[in-house]
Amino acid sequence: MITTAVEISGEVRVLRRQLSATHKVVKMNVDGLTQQDSLIQPQPGGNCLNWNLGHLLCVYDRLLPILGQKPVLGVETLRRYDRGSAQLQNPAEALDLAVLMRAWDEAAQRVEAGLESLTPEVLDQRAPWSPTNDPEETARSLVSAVFFHQAYHAGQTGLLRRMAGKAGALR
């Protein structure tokens, strides 16, 4: 498949809209929450808002090198928030919510910059990792999967906000 610059421009425009919407939803849902609020655990299972936000950052930090950008906090700092990690129940293991939010803003800026530099060659190359262990994963399919993943967890932040006793942020 040959992808043209015009097609890439259209793809990037859609991705930028998704990035912007997800970024804003998370910011709105976290606004006014405290560190303690961010650690409230859903019952009977799931993870707190602090973990969800750290997990979103962990995924972006893995994606950023594919987009030609440097990770924000790094894999080691975010290991506690990686896929499959245990519930975040010990407050001492949680990064500060303000630190996570500053990193969230920076990650969105870096993803935006990376999207602007995408070329057909980059999008068509084999991805260095795949969340589904797909040996045919390309950068294009990975970016698409990551953006869906981010929107999924952004929605969870709205429910976790309400669990903290706050009114819904989206009206």
Foldseek 3Di string as FASTA:
>chain_A
DDDDPVNLVVVLVVLLVLLVVLLVLLCLLCPPDALVLQQDADPPDDEGNLLLLLLLLLLLQLLLVLLVHHRQQDCVLSVCNHPPHDHDNDSVNGDGPVVSNVSSVVSSVSVNVSSVPDDPVSQCDADPDDPVRDRNHGSVNRSVVSSVVSNVSSVVSQVSSVVSVDDGRDD
